[in-house]
Amino acid sequence: MRTIASFILPLIIVLIPLYGLIKKVHVYEVFVDGAKEGFHIAVRIIPYLVAILFAIGMFRESGAMEFFMMALAPVLGFLGFPVELVPMAIFRPLTGSGSVGVLAEMIATYGEDALVVKMAATMFGSTETTFYVIAVYFGAISIRQVKYSVQTGLIADLAGIITSVIVVRILFG
């Protein structure tokens, strides 16, 4: 199986241009046009990404995160939701790299075998960077009215967050 896997990527790299040549497509020109379009899209979405990263930095550095965690601690404790997961629950819908940073901090603080770290890792894999995805994809095609996309994405994230805690408690608790 390992031998087959090592040939798949080189095979794809050879077969796609070969297929294009058979179909009489100017493969290099089409590739360059696609790369040019991708670059223009990347330039168009930069303001959205800067806004998200700026807001995250302000929220974290202002001390609002700690205040938010302290305010929610009694309610979350009653519900059996570890307050240590609040930063992951907040940052995950906003940024993938920020939530990786939160997970890395948790691993350094609690150790990789801690129940709360297993919950955070499961949460990381069970949720999406909703605002980032909306900013990138909707920004790339210049859609300003996202309608129900944000609500739907956040409801799915909430389901992933809650399910992560429950499933990890059942499996490892």
Protein backbone atom coordinates (compact mmCIF):
# COMPACT_ATOMS: atom_id res chain seq x y z
CA MET A 1 0.00 0.00 0.00
CA ARG A 2 2.84 2.39 0.86
CA THR A 3 4.41 1.80 -2.57
CA ILE A 4 1.18 2.70 -4.34
CA ALA A 5 0.80 5.87 -2.26
CA SER A 6 4.29 7.06 -3.18
CA PHE A 7 3.39 6.95 -6.88
CA ILE A 8 0.01 8.71 -6.72
CA LEU A 9 1.22 12.33 -6.59
CA PRO A 10 3.85 11.98 -9.35
CA LEU A 11 1.25 10.16 -11.44
CA ILE A 12 -1.23 13.01 -11.02
CA ILE A 13 1.46 15.58 -11.85
CA VAL A 14 2.20 13.74 -15.11
CA LEU A 15 -1.37 12.77 -16.08
CA ILE A 16 -3.03 16.19 -15.77
CA PRO A 17 -0.72 17.98 -18.25
CA LEU A 18 -0.74 14.91 -20.49
CA TYR A 19 -4.55 14.95 -20.56
CA GLY A 20 -4.45 18.66 -21.41
CA LEU A 21 -2.07 18.01 -24.30
CA ILE A 22 -4.31 15.23 -25.62
CA LYS A 23 -7.28 17.63 -25.51
CA LYS A 24 -5.13 20.25 -27.31
CA VAL A 25 -5.19 22.68 -24.37
CA HIS A 26 -2.28 25.08 -23.95
CA VAL A 27 -1.52 23.77 -20.47
CA TYR A 28 1.10 26.32 -19.47
CA GLU A 29 -0.97 29.33 -20.59
CA VAL A 30 -4.05 28.03 -18.78
CA PHE A 31 -1.97 27.44 -15.65
CA VAL A 32 -0.52 30.97 -15.78
CA ASP A 33 -4.00 32.48 -16.30
CA GLY A 34 -5.29 30.56 -13.29
CA ALA A 35 -2.35 31.66 -11.17
CA LYS A 36 -2.90 35.28 -12.23
CA GLU A 37 -6.58 35.08 -11.29
CA GLY A 38 -5.68 33.49 -7.96
CA PHE A 39 -3.24 36.30 -7.24
CA HIS A 40 -5.90 38.95 -7.96
CA ILE A 41 -8.35 37.16 -5.67
CA ALA A 42 -5.72 37.03 -2.91
CA VAL A 43 -5.15 40.78 -3.23
CA ARG A 44 -8.91 41.44 -3.06
CA ILE A 45 -9.36 39.46 0.18
CA ILE A 46 -6.40 40.95 2.06
CA PRO A 47 -8.52 43.69 3.73
CA TYR A 48 -10.92 41.08 5.11
CA LEU A 49 -8.07 39.01 6.53
CA VAL A 50 -6.36 42.06 8.05
CA ALA A 51 -9.63 43.06 9.74
CA ILE A 52 -10.08 39.60 11.28
CA LEU A 53 -6.48 39.39 12.52
CA PHE A 54 -6.63 42.93 13.93
CA ALA A 55 -9.86 42.22 15.82
CA ILE A 56 -8.44 39.01 17.28
CA GLY A 57 -5.27 40.76 18.41
CA MET A 58 -7.24 43.56 20.06
CA PHE A 59 -9.55 41.12 21.83
CA ARG A 60 -6.70 39.09 23.22
CA GLU A 61 -4.33 41.91 24.18
CA SER A 62 -7.02 44.08 25.78
CA GLY A 63 -7.69 41.51 28.49
CA ALA A 64 -11.22 40.96 27.22
CA MET A 65 -10.53 37.23 26.88
CA GLU A 66 -9.67 36.84 30.57
CA PHE A 67 -12.67 38.95 31.57
CA PHE A 68 -14.93 36.87 29.34
CA MET A 69 -13.59 33.62 30.82
CA MET A 70 -14.08 34.84 34.40
CA ALA A 71 -17.61 36.02 33.65
CA LEU A 72 -18.60 32.71 32.07
CA ALA A 73 -16.84 30.45 34.60
CA PRO A 74 -19.83 29.94 36.97
CA VAL A 75 -22.28 29.11 34.18
CA LEU A 76 -19.85 26.90 32.28
CA GLY A 77 -18.84 25.10 35.47
CA PHE A 78 -22.51 24.35 36.18
CA LEU A 79 -22.90 22.97 32.63
CA GLY A 80 -19.74 20.86 32.92
CA PHE A 81 -17.95 22.80 30.19
CA PRO A 82 -14.30 23.49 31.09
CA VAL A 83 -13.63 27.24 31.13
CA GLU A 84 -10.17 26.53 29.65
CA LEU A 85 -11.90 25.76 26.34
CA VAL A 86 -13.36 29.27 25.99
CA PRO A 87 -10.38 30.65 24.02
CA MET A 88 -10.61 27.74 21.57
CA ALA A 89 -14.38 28.18 21.25
CA ILE A 90 -13.91 31.89 20.53
CA PHE A 91 -10.88 31.76 18.24
CA ARG A 92 -11.77 28.68 16.18
CA PRO A 93 -14.57 30.37 14.18
CA LEU A 94 -12.24 33.31 13.53
CA THR A 95 -8.85 31.92 12.62
CA GLY A 96 -7.17 28.59 12.06
CA SER A 97 -3.70 29.76 13.03
CA GLY A 98 -5.00 31.49 16.16
CA SER A 99 -6.78 28.34 17.27
CA VAL A 100 -3.64 26.28 16.57
CA GLY A 101 -1.82 28.73 18.85
CA VAL A 102 -4.46 28.27 21.55
CA LEU A 103 -4.15 24.48 21.24
CA ALA A 104 -0.35 24.67 21.42
CA GLU A 105 -0.58 26.84 24.57
CA MET A 106 -2.96 24.33 26.13
CA ILE A 107 -0.64 21.43 25.33
CA ALA A 108 2.29 23.32 26.86
CA THR A 109 0.25 24.20 29.96
CA TYR A 110 -1.66 20.97 30.64
CA GLY A 111 0.22 18.29 28.69
CA GLU A 112 -0.97 16.39 25.65
CA ASP A 113 -2.79 13.72 27.65
CA ALA A 114 -4.96 16.11 29.67
CA LEU A 115 -8.70 15.69 29.18
CA VAL A 116 -9.16 19.39 28.42
CA VAL A 117 -6.47 19.19 25.69
CA LYS A 118 -8.20 16.19 24.13
CA MET A 119 -11.42 18.20 24.15
CA ALA A 120 -9.68 21.18 22.55
CA ALA A 121 -8.06 19.00 19.87
CA THR A 122 -11.39 17.34 19.10
CA MET A 123 -13.04 20.76 19.01
CA PHE A 124 -10.34 21.94 16.59
CA GLY A 125 -11.10 19.06 14.23
CA SER A 126 -14.88 19.29 14.62
CA THR A 127 -15.38 22.99 13.90
CA GLU A 128 -14.61 25.39 11.09
CA THR A 129 -13.05 28.83 10.80
CA THR A 130 -16.45 30.24 9.91
CA PHE A 131 -15.63 33.95 9.73
CA TYR A 132 -12.38 33.30 7.89
CA VAL A 133 -14.12 31.10 5.32
CA ILE A 134 -16.88 33.66 4.82
CA ALA A 135 -14.36 36.51 4.52
CA VAL A 136 -12.22 34.60 2.02
CA TYR A 137 -14.87 32.99 -0.15
CA PHE A 138 -17.48 35.72 -0.09
CA GLY A 139 -14.76 38.38 -0.33
CA ALA A 140 -13.21 36.62 -3.32
CA ILE A 141 -16.43 36.91 -5.29
CA SER A 142 -17.38 40.31 -3.82
CA ILE A 143 -20.54 39.22 -2.02
CA ARG A 144 -21.42 41.66 0.75
CA GLN A 145 -24.74 40.16 1.89
CA VAL A 146 -23.91 36.85 3.52
CA LYS A 147 -27.54 36.29 4.62
CA TYR A 148 -27.76 33.17 6.79
CA SER A 149 -24.23 31.89 6.19
CA VAL A 150 -22.81 33.29 9.43
CA GLN A 151 -25.67 32.00 11.60
CA THR A 152 -25.59 28.58 9.99
CA GLY A 153 -21.82 28.32 10.33
CA LEU A 154 -21.88 29.40 13.98
CA ILE A 155 -24.68 26.96 14.82
CA ALA A 156 -22.61 24.17 13.24
CA ASP A 157 -19.58 25.34 15.24
CA LEU A 158 -21.61 25.34 18.46
CA ALA A 159 -22.77 21.80 17.71
CA GLY A 160 -19.15 20.75 17.14
CA ILE A 161 -18.01 22.43 20.35
CA ILE A 162 -20.69 20.82 22.51
CA THR A 163 -20.32 17.42 20.86
CA SER A 164 -16.53 17.52 21.31
CA VAL A 165 -16.85 17.97 25.06
CA ILE A 166 -19.51 15.26 25.39
CA VAL A 167 -17.76 12.67 23.20
CA VAL A 168 -14.35 13.18 24.83
CA ARG A 169 -15.94 12.86 28.29
CA ILE A 170 -17.60 9.61 27.22
CA LEU A 171 -14.46 8.16 25.62
CA PHE A 172 -11.77 9.40 28.00
CA GLY A 173 -13.55 10.86 31.04
